[in-house]
Protein backbone atom coordinates (compact mmCIF):
# COMPACT_ATOMS: atom_id res chain seq x y z
CA UNK A 1 -0.44 -4.21 1.88
CA UNK A 2 -3.06 -3.23 4.32
CA UNK A 3 -5.96 -5.52 5.05
CA UNK A 4 -7.91 -7.06 7.86
CA UNK A 5 -5.90 -8.09 10.89
CA UNK A 6 -5.49 -11.81 11.55
CA UNK A 7 -4.73 -13.10 15.03
CA UNK A 8 -1.53 -15.08 15.46
CA UNK A 9 -2.37 -18.67 16.39
CA UNK A 10 -0.67 -22.06 16.19
CA UNK A 11 -2.51 -22.75 12.95
CA UNK A 12 -1.37 -19.41 11.54
CA UNK A 13 2.23 -20.15 12.52
CA UNK A 14 2.09 -23.64 10.99
CA UNK A 15 0.61 -22.29 7.77
CA UNK A 16 3.28 -19.60 7.48
CA UNK A 17 6.09 -22.12 8.02
CA UNK A 18 4.68 -24.46 5.37
CA UNK A 19 4.39 -21.57 2.90
CA UNK A 20 7.97 -20.49 3.62
CA UNK A 21 9.23 -24.04 3.01
CA UNK A 22 7.35 -24.28 -0.30
CA UNK A 23 8.62 -20.91 -1.52
CA UNK A 24 12.14 -21.74 -0.33
CA UNK A 25 12.11 -24.88 -2.49
CA UNK A 26 10.89 -22.83 -5.46
CA UNK A 27 13.73 -20.34 -4.89
CA UNK A 28 16.26 -23.19 -4.77
CA UNK A 29 14.84 -24.61 -7.99
CA UNK A 30 15.02 -21.24 -9.75
CA UNK A 31 18.61 -20.73 -8.60
CA UNK A 32 19.74 -24.20 -9.69
CA UNK A 33 18.07 -23.87 -13.10
CA UNK A 34 19.88 -20.57 -13.72
CA UNK A 35 23.23 -21.96 -12.60
CA UNK A 36 22.96 -25.26 -14.48
CA UNK A 37 21.05 -24.20 -17.58
CA UNK A 38 24.16 -24.05 -19.79
CA UNK A 39 25.55 -27.25 -18.27
CA UNK A 40 22.68 -29.59 -19.11
CA UNK A 41 24.80 -31.61 -21.52
CA UNK A 42 27.40 -32.30 -18.83
CA UNK A 43 25.08 -32.24 -15.83
CA UNK A 44 26.28 -35.50 -14.34
CA UNK A 45 29.91 -34.46 -14.63
CA UNK A 46 29.16 -31.00 -13.23
CA UNK A 47 27.39 -32.41 -10.19
CA UNK A 48 30.19 -34.91 -9.65
CA UNK A 49 32.85 -32.20 -9.72
CA UNK A 50 31.02 -29.32 -8.04
CA UNK A 51 28.08 -30.94 -6.24
CA UNK A 52 29.43 -29.82 -2.87
CA UNK A 53 29.35 -26.19 -4.03
CA UNK A 54 25.68 -26.43 -4.98
CA UNK A 55 24.89 -28.17 -1.71
CA UNK A 56 26.65 -25.32 0.08
CA UNK A 57 24.50 -22.84 -1.85
CA UNK A 58 21.29 -24.64 -0.86
CA UNK A 59 22.38 -24.66 2.80
CA UNK A 60 23.14 -20.91 2.67
CA UNK A 61 19.76 -20.21 1.05
CA UNK A 62 18.11 -22.19 3.83
CA UNK A 63 19.91 -20.12 6.48
CA UNK A 64 18.93 -16.87 4.75
CA UNK A 65 15.30 -17.99 4.55
CA UNK A 66 15.26 -18.90 8.24
CA UNK A 67 16.69 -15.46 9.09
CA UNK A 68 14.00 -13.87 6.92
CA UNK A 69 11.26 -15.75 8.77
CA UNK A 70 12.69 -14.76 12.16
CA UNK A 71 12.84 -11.12 11.07
CA UNK A 72 9.20 -11.05 10.00
CA UNK A 73 8.15 -12.97 13.11
CA UNK A 74 9.55 -10.29 15.42
CA UNK A 75 9.30 -7.13 13.30
CA UNK A 76 6.35 -7.59 10.95
CA UNK A 77 4.35 -10.60 12.10
CA UNK A 78 1.17 -9.51 10.32
CA UNK A 79 3.00 -10.24 7.04
CA UNK A 80 3.28 -13.90 8.03
CA UNK A 81 -0.47 -14.16 8.60
CA UNK A 82 -1.13 -13.54 4.91
CA UNK A 83 -0.27 -16.21 2.36
CA UNK A 84 -0.60 -13.53 -0.31
CA UNK A 85 2.08 -11.39 1.34
CA UNK A 86 4.48 -14.33 1.64
CA UNK A 87 3.92 -15.23 -2.01
CA UNK A 88 4.48 -11.61 -3.01
CA UNK A 89 7.83 -11.41 -1.20
CA UNK A 90 9.23 -14.59 -2.71
CA UNK A 91 7.89 -13.76 -6.16
CA UNK A 92 9.67 -10.39 -6.08
CA UNK A 93 12.90 -12.13 -5.02
CA UNK A 94 12.59 -14.82 -7.71
CA UNK A 95 11.89 -12.25 -10.43
CA UNK A 96 14.94 -10.28 -9.32
CA UNK A 97 17.11 -13.42 -9.27
CA UNK A 98 16.16 -14.24 -12.87
CA UNK A 99 16.55 -10.69 -14.21
CA UNK A 100 19.78 -10.00 -12.30
CA UNK A 101 21.37 -13.33 -13.22
CA UNK A 102 20.57 -13.02 -16.94
CA UNK A 103 21.78 -9.42 -17.11
CA UNK A 104 24.90 -10.39 -15.19
CA UNK A 105 25.85 -12.77 -18.00
CA UNK A 106 25.76 -10.02 -20.64
CA UNK A 107 28.60 -7.81 -21.82
CA UNK A 108 32.37 -8.17 -21.77
CA UNK A 109 33.98 -10.68 -19.44
CA UNK A 110 37.25 -11.12 -17.58
CA UNK A 111 38.90 -14.40 -16.63
CA UNK A 112 38.89 -15.36 -12.96
CA UNK A 113 40.69 -18.62 -12.34
CA UNK A 114 38.82 -21.34 -14.24
CA UNK A 115 35.72 -19.15 -14.68
CA UNK A 116 34.79 -15.77 -16.09
CA UNK A 117 33.04 -12.76 -14.60
CA UNK A 118 30.98 -10.48 -16.83
CA UNK A 119 30.86 -6.71 -16.48
CA UNK A 120 27.14 -7.12 -17.05
CA UNK A 121 26.97 -7.71 -13.30
CA UNK A 122 26.90 -3.90 -12.95
CA UNK A 123 23.87 -3.68 -15.27
CA UNK A 124 21.63 -5.39 -12.74
CA UNK A 125 18.52 -3.45 -11.57
CA UNK A 126 19.99 -3.26 -8.09
CA UNK A 127 17.14 -1.18 -6.60
CA UNK A 128 14.28 -3.23 -8.05
CA UNK A 129 13.58 -5.28 -4.92
CA UNK A 130 13.83 -2.19 -2.71
CA UNK A 131 11.38 -0.17 -4.84
CA UNK A 132 8.85 -2.99 -5.24
CA UNK A 133 8.75 -3.96 -1.57
CA UNK A 134 8.64 -0.30 -0.52
CA UNK A 135 5.51 0.27 -2.62
CA UNK A 136 3.81 -3.07 -2.04
CA UNK A 137 4.52 -3.68 1.67
CA UNK A 138 6.46 -0.96 3.48
CA UNK A 139 9.76 0.79 4.12
CA UNK A 140 10.94 -1.38 7.03
CA UNK A 141 10.46 -4.56 5.00
CA UNK A 142 12.10 -2.95 1.95
CA UNK A 143 15.26 -2.16 3.95
CA UNK A 144 15.58 -5.76 5.14
CA UNK A 145 14.84 -7.37 1.77
CA UNK A 146 17.24 -5.02 -0.01
CA UNK A 147 20.02 -6.40 2.19
CA UNK A 148 18.66 -9.93 1.72
CA UNK A 149 18.64 -9.66 -2.09
CA UNK A 150 22.22 -8.30 -2.12
CA UNK A 151 23.52 -11.25 -0.09
CA UNK A 152 21.46 -13.65 -2.18
CA UNK A 153 22.98 -12.48 -5.48
CA UNK A 154 26.46 -12.40 -3.92
CA UNK A 155 26.00 -16.07 -3.02
CA UNK A 156 24.91 -16.96 -6.57
CA UNK A 157 27.82 -14.98 -8.00
CA UNK A 158 30.48 -16.87 -6.07
CA UNK A 159 28.87 -20.24 -6.88
CA UNK A 160 28.73 -19.24 -10.54
CA UNK A 161 32.42 -18.26 -10.37
CA UNK A 162 33.24 -21.66 -8.83
CA UNK A 163 33.56 -20.30 -5.30
CA UNK A 164 36.08 -17.63 -6.31
CA UNK A 165 35.21 -14.39 -4.51
CA UNK A 166 36.05 -11.63 -6.96
CA UNK A 167 36.35 -7.87 -6.57
CA UNK A 168 33.46 -7.59 -9.04
CA UNK A 169 31.22 -9.68 -6.76
CA UNK A 170 32.14 -7.52 -3.78
CA UNK A 171 31.46 -4.39 -5.81
CA UNK A 172 28.03 -5.70 -6.85
CA UNK A 173 27.16 -6.44 -3.21
CA UNK A 174 28.13 -2.92 -2.09
CA UNK A 175 26.28 -1.32 -5.01
CA UNK A 176 23.11 -3.29 -4.26
CA UNK A 177 23.16 -2.22 -0.63
CA UNK A 178 23.97 1.48 -1.21
CA UNK A 179 21.76 2.02 -4.29
CA UNK A 180 18.85 0.11 -2.78
CA UNK A 181 18.97 2.02 0.50
CA UNK A 182 19.22 5.36 -1.29
CA UNK A 183 16.27 4.41 -3.51
CA UNK A 184 14.14 3.52 -0.49
CA UNK A 185 14.60 6.87 1.21
CA UNK A 186 14.28 8.88 -1.99
CA UNK A 187 11.25 7.01 -3.34
CA UNK A 188 9.50 7.06 0.03
CA UNK A 189 8.29 10.58 -0.80
CA UNK A 190 7.81 10.03 -4.53
CA UNK A 191 4.21 10.83 -5.45
CA UNK A 192 4.29 10.36 -9.22
CA UNK A 193 5.70 7.75 -11.57
CA UNK A 194 7.98 10.33 -13.16
CA UNK A 195 9.56 11.05 -9.77
CA UNK A 196 10.50 7.36 -9.59
CA UNK A 197 12.44 7.75 -12.83
CA UNK A 198 14.26 10.67 -11.20
CA UNK A 199 15.13 8.35 -8.30
CA UNK A 200 16.56 5.87 -10.81
CA UNK A 201 18.78 8.61 -12.23
CA UNK A 202 19.92 9.77 -8.78
CA UNK A 203 21.01 6.29 -7.63
CA UNK A 204 23.32 6.18 -10.63
CA UNK A 205 25.59 8.68 -8.82
CA UNK A 206 26.73 6.34 -5.99
CA UNK A 207 26.94 3.42 -8.44
CA UNK A 208 29.38 5.31 -10.68
CA UNK A 209 31.34 6.57 -7.68
CA UNK A 210 31.74 3.08 -6.21
CA UNK A 211 32.87 1.61 -9.53
CA UNK A 212 35.36 4.46 -10.05
CA UNK A 213 36.88 4.25 -6.57
CA UNK A 214 37.22 0.46 -6.57
CA UNK A 215 38.64 0.47 -10.08
CA UNK A 216 41.30 2.93 -8.96
CA UNK A 217 42.76 0.23 -6.72
CA UNK A 218 44.27 -1.27 -9.87
CA UNK A 219 46.49 1.82 -10.20
CA UNK A 220 48.01 1.44 -6.74
CA UNK A 221 48.47 -2.31 -7.14
CA UNK A 222 52.17 -3.03 -6.68
CA UNK A 223 52.13 -5.39 -9.64
CA UNK A 224 50.53 -2.78 -11.90
CA UNK A 225 52.36 0.52 -11.27
CA UNK A 226 50.71 2.23 -14.25
CA UNK A 227 47.25 1.68 -15.75
CA UNK A 228 47.08 -0.71 -18.67
CA UNK A 229 45.83 0.36 -22.08
CA UNK A 230 42.43 -1.17 -21.34
CA UNK A 231 42.07 0.45 -17.91
CA UNK A 232 40.08 3.50 -18.87
CA UNK A 233 37.95 1.76 -21.54
CA UNK A 234 37.11 -0.95 -18.99
CA UNK A 235 36.21 1.64 -16.36
CA UNK A 236 33.97 3.57 -18.75
CA UNK A 237 32.33 0.33 -19.82
CA UNK A 238 31.63 -0.65 -16.21
CA UNK A 239 30.26 2.83 -15.48
CA UNK A 240 28.01 2.57 -18.51
CA UNK A 241 26.64 -0.72 -17.21
CA UNK A 242 26.15 0.94 -13.82
CA UNK A 243 24.13 3.78 -15.37
CA UNK A 244 22.03 1.20 -17.20
CA UNK A 245 21.41 -0.73 -13.98
CA UNK A 246 20.31 2.32 -11.99
CA UNK A 247 17.91 3.64 -14.62
CA UNK A 248 16.63 0.15 -15.45
CA UNK A 249 15.72 -0.33 -11.78
CA UNK A 250 13.17 2.48 -12.05
CA UNK A 251 11.92 1.49 -15.52
CA UNK A 252 11.41 -2.16 -14.59
CA UNK A 253 9.74 -1.08 -11.35
CA UNK A 254 7.20 1.04 -13.26
CA UNK A 255 6.59 -1.82 -15.69
CA UNK A 256 6.26 -4.60 -13.10
CA UNK A 257 4.40 -2.71 -10.35
CA UNK A 258 0.98 -2.63 -12.10
CA UNK A 259 1.25 -6.40 -12.61
CA UNK A 260 1.79 -6.93 -8.90
CA UNK A 261 -0.96 -4.44 -8.06
CA UNK A 262 -3.39 -6.46 -10.17
CA UNK A 263 -2.28 -10.00 -9.24
CA UNK A 264 -1.96 -9.37 -5.49
CA UNK A 265 -4.63 -6.62 -5.36
CA UNK A 266 -2.27 -4.27 -3.54
CA UNK A 267 -3.01 -0.71 -2.48
CA UNK A 268 -0.01 1.39 -3.52
CA UNK A 269 0.35 5.18 -3.58
CA UNK A 270 0.15 5.18 -7.37
CA UNK A 271 -2.93 3.01 -7.53
CA UNK A 272 -4.54 5.08 -4.77
CA UNK A 273 -4.40 8.15 -6.97
CA UNK A 274 -6.00 6.24 -9.82
CA UNK A 275 -8.90 4.81 -7.85
CA UNK A 276 -9.63 8.06 -5.97
CA UNK A 277 -9.89 10.15 -9.12
CA UNK A 278 -13.49 11.22 -9.62
CA UNK A 279 -13.56 9.52 -13.01
CA UNK A 280 -12.78 6.11 -11.48
CA UNK A 281 -15.59 3.75 -12.64
CA UNK A 282 -17.25 3.13 -9.27
CA UNK A 283 -16.97 6.74 -8.11
CA UNK A 284 -18.32 8.01 -11.42
CA UNK A 285 -21.30 5.69 -11.05
CA UNK A 286 -21.82 6.90 -7.47
CA UNK A 287 -21.73 10.51 -8.66
CA UNK A 288 -24.33 9.83 -11.35
CA UNK A 289 -26.75 7.51 -9.52
CA UNK A 290 -26.36 8.64 -5.90
CA UNK A 291 -25.12 12.25 -5.99
CA UNK A 292 -26.09 12.90 -2.36
CA UNK A 293 -24.05 9.93 -1.18
CA UNK A 294 -21.13 11.01 -3.37
CA UNK A 295 -21.10 14.51 -1.89
CA UNK A 296 -21.32 13.05 1.60
CA UNK A 297 -18.36 10.76 0.84
CA UNK A 298 -16.28 13.68 -0.42
CA UNK A 299 -17.00 15.55 2.81
CA UNK A 300 -16.13 12.51 4.93
CA UNK A 301 -12.89 12.16 2.94
CA UNK A 302 -11.92 15.72 3.87
CA UNK A 303 -12.58 14.98 7.54
CA UNK A 304 -10.80 11.62 7.44
CA UNK A 305 -7.73 13.13 5.81
CA UNK A 306 -7.46 15.75 8.54
CA UNK A 307 -7.82 13.12 11.29
CA UNK A 308 -5.34 10.73 9.67
CA UNK A 309 -2.78 13.51 9.33
CA UNK A 310 -3.26 14.45 12.99
CA UNK A 311 -2.64 10.82 14.03
CA UNK A 312 0.27 10.28 11.59
CA UNK A 313 -1.78 7.64 9.78
CA UNK A 314 -1.70 7.14 6.00
CA UNK A 315 -3.66 10.09 4.60
CA UNK A 316 -4.03 8.48 1.15
CA UNK A 317 -5.55 5.34 2.69
CA UNK A 318 -7.98 7.44 4.72
CA UNK A 319 -9.11 9.42 1.68
CA UNK A 320 -9.63 6.28 -0.43
CA UNK A 321 -11.52 4.50 2.36
CA UNK A 322 -13.82 7.51 2.79
CA UNK A 323 -14.59 7.73 -0.91
CA UNK A 324 -15.64 4.08 -1.06
CA UNK A 325 -17.19 3.52 2.38
CA UNK A 326 -20.77 4.04 1.17
CA UNK A 327 -20.65 2.60 -2.36
CA UNK A 328 -23.05 -0.14 -1.23
CA UNK A 329 -25.83 2.47 -1.40
CA UNK A 330 -25.65 2.17 -5.19
CA UNK A 331 -27.90 -0.90 -5.01
CA UNK A 332 -30.85 1.13 -3.70
CA UNK A 333 -29.81 4.80 -3.54
CA UNK A 334 -33.37 6.11 -3.20
CA UNK A 335 -33.69 4.51 0.25
CA UNK A 336 -31.05 6.83 1.76
CA UNK A 337 -31.94 10.33 2.95
CA UNK A 338 -29.21 12.21 1.13
CA UNK A 339 -30.53 10.96 -2.23
CA UNK A 340 -34.22 11.61 -1.54
CA UNK A 341 -36.27 14.62 -2.59
CA UNK A 342 -40.03 14.73 -1.96
CA UNK A 343 -40.66 11.00 -1.68
CA UNK A 344 -39.42 8.63 1.03
CA UNK A 345 -40.02 4.95 0.14
CA UNK A 346 -39.56 3.95 3.79
CA UNK A 347 -43.00 5.44 4.51
CA UNK A 348 -44.50 2.38 2.86
CA UNK A 349 -42.30 -0.21 4.61
CA UNK A 350 -42.22 -1.78 8.04
CA UNK A 351 -39.38 -0.65 10.33
CA UNK A 352 -37.91 -4.16 10.20
CA UNK A 353 -37.70 -4.17 6.40
CA UNK A 354 -36.33 -0.63 6.33
CA UNK A 355 -33.60 -1.59 8.82
CA UNK A 356 -32.69 -4.60 6.65
CA UNK A 357 -32.29 -2.38 3.58
CA UNK A 358 -30.21 0.21 5.42
CA UNK A 359 -27.79 -2.18 7.09
CA UNK A 360 -27.33 -4.19 3.91
CA UNK A 361 -25.39 -1.35 2.30
CA UNK A 362 -22.28 -2.20 4.33
CA UNK A 363 -22.20 -5.78 3.01
CA UNK A 364 -23.19 -4.63 -0.49
CA UNK A 365 -20.33 -2.14 -0.48
CA UNK A 366 -17.78 -4.78 0.44
CA UNK A 367 -19.02 -7.12 -2.29
CA UNK A 368 -19.12 -4.33 -4.87
CA UNK A 369 -15.53 -3.37 -4.07
CA UNK A 370 -14.43 -6.98 -4.35
CA UNK A 371 -16.25 -7.48 -7.67
CA UNK A 372 -14.43 -4.44 -9.10
CA UNK A 373 -11.09 -5.94 -7.94
CA UNK A 374 -10.38 -3.00 -5.68
CA UNK A 375 -8.06 -3.50 -2.69
CA UNK A 376 -9.44 -5.57 0.19
CA UNK A 377 -8.68 -2.77 2.64
CA UNK A 378 -11.45 -0.66 1.08
CA UNK A 379 -13.89 -3.54 1.35
CA UNK A 380 -12.98 -4.04 5.00
CA UNK A 381 -13.66 -0.39 5.84
CA UNK A 382 -16.96 -0.45 3.92
CA UNK A 383 -17.99 -3.47 6.00
CA UNK A 384 -16.77 -2.07 9.33
CA UNK A 385 -17.64 1.63 9.22
CA UNK A 386 -20.95 1.10 11.08
CA UNK A 387 -19.67 -1.73 13.27
CA UNK A 388 -22.59 -3.18 15.24
CA UNK A 389 -24.31 0.17 15.84
CA UNK A 390 -28.12 0.21 16.13
CA UNK A 391 -30.13 1.91 13.39
CA UNK A 392 -31.83 4.24 15.86
CA UNK A 393 -34.47 5.83 13.65
CA UNK A 394 -36.15 2.58 12.66
CA UNK A 395 -35.68 1.03 16.10
CA UNK A 396 -37.50 4.02 17.62
CA UNK A 397 -40.18 3.77 14.94
CA UNK A 398 -40.69 0.09 15.70
CA UNK A 399 -40.95 0.80 19.44
CA UNK A 400 -43.84 3.15 18.77
CA UNK A 401 -45.65 0.49 16.74
CA UNK A 402 -45.46 -2.34 19.27
CA UNK A 403 -46.34 -2.93 22.90
CA UNK A 404 -43.88 -5.78 23.36
CA UNK A 405 -40.13 -5.87 23.66
CA UNK A 406 -37.88 -5.66 20.61
CA UNK A 407 -34.49 -7.23 20.08
CA UNK A 408 -32.22 -4.31 19.26
CA UNK A 409 -29.89 -6.64 17.34
CA UNK A 410 -32.62 -6.96 14.71
CA UNK A 411 -32.19 -3.23 14.14
CA UNK A 412 -28.37 -3.14 14.27
CA UNK A 413 -25.61 -3.44 11.72
CA UNK A 414 -24.02 -6.86 11.43
CA UNK A 415 -20.42 -5.75 11.93
CA UNK A 416 -17.59 -6.48 12.28
CA UNK A 417 -16.37 -3.60 14.39
CA UNK A 418 -13.45 -1.49 13.10
CA UNK A 419 -10.14 -3.35 13.20
CA UNK A 420 -7.86 -0.46 12.16
CA UNK A 421 -7.47 3.18 13.17
CA UNK A 422 -8.50 4.31 9.70
CA UNK A 423 -11.72 2.29 9.89
CA UNK A 424 -12.42 3.91 13.28
CA UNK A 425 -11.73 7.35 11.82
CA UNK A 426 -14.20 6.71 8.99
CA UNK A 427 -16.83 5.53 11.50
CA UNK A 428 -16.51 8.70 13.58
CA UNK A 429 -16.20 11.08 10.62
CA UNK A 430 -19.19 9.50 8.89
CA UNK A 431 -21.45 9.84 11.94
CA UNK A 432 -20.19 13.33 12.81
CA UNK A 433 -20.67 14.74 9.30
CA UNK A 434 -24.24 13.43 9.07
CA UNK A 435 -25.13 14.66 12.57
CA UNK A 436 -23.64 18.14 12.11
CA UNK A 437 -25.29 18.55 8.70
CA UNK A 438 -28.70 18.04 10.33
CA UNK A 439 -28.14 20.80 12.93
CA UNK A 440 -30.24 23.96 12.49
CA UNK A 441 -27.38 26.00 14.00
CA UNK A 442 -23.76 25.04 13.50
CA UNK A 443 -21.84 27.08 16.01
CA UNK A 444 -18.50 25.66 17.27
CA UNK A 445 -20.22 24.83 20.56
CA UNK A 446 -22.97 22.87 18.80
CA UNK A 447 -20.45 21.05 16.62
CA UNK A 448 -18.35 20.19 19.69
CA UNK A 449 -21.39 18.79 21.50
CA UNK A 450 -22.45 16.65 18.54
CA UNK A 451 -19.00 15.23 17.77
CA UNK A 452 -18.39 14.44 21.42
CA UNK A 453 -21.75 12.66 21.54
CA UNK A 454 -20.92 10.61 18.43
CA UNK A 455 -17.63 9.42 19.93
CA UNK A 456 -19.05 8.71 23.38
CA UNK A 457 -21.94 6.70 21.95
CA UNK A 458 -19.54 4.49 20.02
CA UNK A 459 -17.35 4.04 23.08
CA UNK A 460 -20.34 3.01 25.20
CA UNK A 461 -21.28 0.45 22.56
CA UNK A 462 -17.67 -0.85 22.52
CA UNK A 463 -17.19 -0.17 18.81
CA UNK A 464 -13.43 0.36 19.23
CA UNK A 465 -12.76 -2.87 21.11
CA UNK A 466 -11.09 -4.58 18.13
CA UNK A 467 -8.72 -1.81 17.03
CA UNK A 468 -5.67 -0.25 18.68
CA UNK A 469 -7.08 3.26 19.00
CA UNK A 470 -6.40 5.07 22.29
CA UNK A 471 -8.18 7.71 24.32
CA UNK A 472 -5.54 10.19 23.24
CA UNK A 473 -6.26 9.32 19.60
CA UNK A 474 -9.99 9.86 20.15
CA UNK A 475 -9.32 13.25 21.75
CA UNK A 476 -7.22 14.28 18.76
CA UNK A 477 -9.92 13.06 16.37
CA UNK A 478 -12.60 15.01 18.25
CA UNK A 479 -10.63 18.26 18.21
CA UNK A 480 -9.73 17.83 14.55
CA UNK A 481 -13.32 17.13 13.52
CA UNK A 482 -14.67 20.10 15.48
CA UNK A 483 -12.13 22.42 13.91
CA UNK A 484 -12.70 21.09 10.39
CA UNK A 485 -16.50 20.93 10.57
CA UNK A 486 -16.71 24.39 12.11
CA UNK A 487 -14.69 25.67 9.19
CA UNK A 488 -16.81 23.90 6.59
CA UNK A 489 -20.22 24.71 8.11
CA UNK A 490 -19.38 28.22 9.27
CA UNK A 491 -22.05 30.84 9.73
CA UNK A 492 -22.69 33.09 6.77
CA UNK A 493 -23.99 36.66 6.78
CA UNK A 494 -27.47 37.25 5.47
CA UNK A 495 -27.26 39.23 2.28
CA UNK A 496 -29.84 42.05 1.77
CA UNK A 497 -32.49 41.49 -0.87
CA UNK A 498 -31.67 44.06 -3.55
CA UNK A 499 -33.28 44.31 -6.98
CA UNK A 500 -30.95 45.66 -9.61
CA UNK A 501 -31.91 47.60 -12.73
CA UNK A 502 -30.86 50.51 -14.88
CA UNK A 503 -32.01 54.12 -14.63
CA UNK A 504 -33.08 56.41 -17.44
CA UNK A 505 -29.50 57.45 -18.02
CA UNK A 506 -28.40 53.81 -18.38
CA UNK A 507 -26.51 53.61 -15.08
CA UNK A 508 -26.97 50.66 -12.69
CA UNK A 509 -29.37 51.16 -9.78
CA UNK A 510 -30.50 49.05 -6.86
CA UNK A 511 -33.60 49.00 -4.65
CA UNK A 512 -33.96 47.26 -1.29
């Protein structure tokens, strides 16, 4: 999830702690309901006999939650500044607890002391948490929460088995860790939903291998010198459950992910491809009603992609942000140069009114993106891509029409300034593309001069003060833009004017 940056303050810290406590209590409630659901009729007796075990479970859950908070505080603090991100994490964990616990109760069972352990424990979607967090938040968080979810289910397993730690519980813990980690690194490069299914098939391999190797320990057991009659059927059954669990991880992920994308308005790689397709509703409308703006956005997207790749930023985010950065012009497309033909409505307006119309497109774009339930990140870039820059044309026009002094803020965008590198890239690419397109000659030297001027102007006006972009980054952006724009707007040879026709014999002829 990528949105506007929030500063870490005492209020932010207090809010995050309160949210963690609330979600911890919900997790405890979910866990207790699952463990005690089939013991409602003897609840009082169960709590009298095994209350200490449940108290132990609650204490362990509390310790795990505290460790989770500490991890995010030091490694991913921006996650704690968003109540939506915290809710997303705990919701994913709670969904996994429910699905994993219910599946773990299915299938054949074996007796363990006073309790039973089901082979259905191997049918759990062990990579579900890893895949969801990887897509919705990031790889680093997915690695941690994959380990967290494995320990969490191990804890519930031993409480469910009346504190008897079984080989099956150990096996489930190892499978969750190995399969989840493998899924994270395989799915990190998955670009299509089908490739995720392939990941689900691939993680079946270590699951089967782990079950096979651990089951073989029964053969070397001194008390069981030869395998029993049920050894191989049991092994095949466990492997079958393992295959089901691996594949189900991918299938459930594909089913649940769109729900999370919609509820939490997340920007995932799969949703990015959907909203950047040219037939996406808002882009199709832009293409029909403001074709000049659409073509400009496509060009900016090409530039932004190149810059993002050069800086090792998310190329998909940069492309999506570029496509949507100017959608606010849909409200009054005829007031923007790229959509005009022979008539310019600004000729009939005062410079002040013209400036108001022009700068309003940033706010309009953000609101339009929000009304279409598109990710907040796109709305932030639409709002920030002009920062607080002055609208020079109408400011200069106003200066010519008055003898007094003018407040340049009345002719400037309202901000805020870019808060991310991608927003800064869009700001520079947007200004560079428009400036280079207006050049009568587009030699590499001219392009270099214009791009350098665009960047220096924004530096002088402190437009990058709120984002973590460096001078080295700006140098890379400049070189990348010059190279890309020079390639796009390269000089073309002048073709001779030849009129073609056919001679008396029917052969083609040309005259200069």
